[in-house]
Structure formats: C-alpha cells, structure tokens
Amino acid sequence: MMQKALLVAVLGVFLAVSVWFASRAWFSVDAELTGHGWFALALGVVLSFVVGGGLMWLLFYSSRSGRDDIDQDF
C-alpha cells in the first residue's frame, strides 16, 4: 500500500512539473495567433481526439468480438 501511495505522489509531482513547464513555455512566446491559426489548432485537437477515440473503439471491438483470440490446436 505504501508503494502505491509513493508511486501516486511521484507521478503527481511529474504531472505538476509538466503542467508548470508547459504553461510557462506557452505564455513565454510573444506571438499572436490569427483566426486561421486558432482554427487550425482547434481542428488539430478535435481530429486527434476523433482518431484516438476511433482507434480505441476498434481495439475494444476487436477484443470483444473474439478476433484477438489465439487458436490453439493441441
């Protein structure tokens, strides 16, 4: 139980540091996005989620339909 708590604490620290670093990097850039840039960014995020969701759906569908079962002929 203690190992799980330590693992969660270490991963939480990693998450906090990565969020801090990402936010610092994002706000340190002195560039402005135009409307086209925001549209491209939003489209990229949405399409990434759609592709990721579609691949996860295919993974679960393949697993539950029995297509991933190993045929064992002994």
Protein backbone atom coordinates (compact mmCIF):
# COMPACT_ATOMS: atom_id res chain seq x y z
CA MET A 1 0.00 0.00 0.00
CA MET A 2 2.87 2.35 0.79
CA GLN A 3 4.44 1.71 -2.61
CA LYS A 4 1.23 2.69 -4.39
CA ALA A 5 0.99 5.91 -2.39
CA LEU A 6 4.61 6.74 -3.20
CA LEU A 7 4.02 5.99 -6.89
CA VAL A 8 0.94 8.25 -6.97
CA ALA A 9 2.88 11.01 -5.21
CA VAL A 10 5.81 10.80 -7.63
CA LEU A 11 3.53 10.75 -10.66
CA GLY A 12 1.60 13.71 -9.22
CA VAL A 13 4.84 15.67 -8.91
CA PHE A 14 5.73 14.77 -12.51
CA LEU A 15 2.31 15.97 -13.66
CA ALA A 16 2.57 19.23 -11.73
CA VAL A 17 6.05 19.96 -13.11
CA SER A 18 5.00 19.18 -16.68
CA VAL A 19 1.91 21.42 -16.42
CA TRP A 20 4.04 24.20 -14.94
CA PHE A 21 6.64 23.83 -17.71
CA ALA A 22 4.01 23.72 -20.47
CA SER A 23 2.20 26.79 -19.17
CA ARG A 24 5.46 28.69 -18.78
CA ALA A 25 6.51 27.77 -22.31
CA TRP A 26 3.08 28.68 -23.72
CA PHE A 27 2.95 32.12 -22.12
CA SER A 28 6.60 32.99 -22.77
CA VAL A 29 6.12 33.01 -26.55
CA ASP A 30 5.50 36.54 -27.78
CA ALA A 31 3.45 35.60 -30.85
CA GLU A 32 -0.18 36.15 -31.70
CA LEU A 33 -2.39 33.60 -33.41
CA THR A 34 -4.71 34.78 -36.12
CA GLY A 35 -8.17 33.36 -36.62
CA HIS A 36 -6.77 30.84 -39.08
CA GLY A 37 -4.20 29.72 -36.51
CA TRP A 38 -6.84 29.19 -33.79
CA PHE A 39 -9.00 27.30 -36.29
CA ALA A 40 -6.08 25.06 -37.28
CA LEU A 41 -5.21 24.44 -33.62
CA ALA A 42 -8.80 23.57 -32.72
CA LEU A 43 -9.17 21.36 -35.79
CA GLY A 44 -5.96 19.52 -34.92
CA VAL A 45 -7.11 18.91 -31.35
CA VAL A 46 -10.56 17.69 -32.41
CA LEU A 47 -9.20 15.43 -35.13
CA SER A 48 -6.61 13.98 -32.74
CA PHE A 49 -9.37 13.09 -30.28
CA VAL A 50 -11.50 11.60 -33.06
CA VAL A 51 -8.64 9.45 -34.36
CA GLY A 52 -7.68 8.38 -30.83
CA GLY A 53 -11.29 7.56 -29.95
CA GLY A 54 -11.75 5.65 -33.20
CA LEU A 55 -8.63 3.59 -32.60
CA MET A 56 -9.70 2.81 -29.03
CA TRP A 57 -13.14 1.76 -30.30
CA LEU A 58 -11.52 -0.54 -32.86
CA LEU A 59 -9.33 -2.01 -30.14
CA PHE A 60 -12.27 -2.79 -27.86
CA TYR A 61 -14.42 -4.03 -30.74
CA SER A 62 -11.68 -6.36 -31.93
CA SER A 63 -11.07 -7.66 -28.42
CA ARG A 64 -14.73 -8.32 -27.63
CA SER A 65 -15.59 -9.88 -30.98
CA GLY A 66 -13.06 -12.67 -30.49
CA ARG A 67 -10.78 -11.64 -33.35
CA ASP A 68 -7.81 -11.43 -30.99
CA ASP A 69 -8.21 -14.94 -29.61
CA ILE A 70 -5.35 -17.29 -30.22
CA ASP A 71 -6.27 -20.57 -31.89
CA GLN A 72 -4.63 -23.41 -30.02
CA ASP A 73 -4.71 -26.75 -31.76
CA PHE A 74 -3.15 -29.34 -29.47
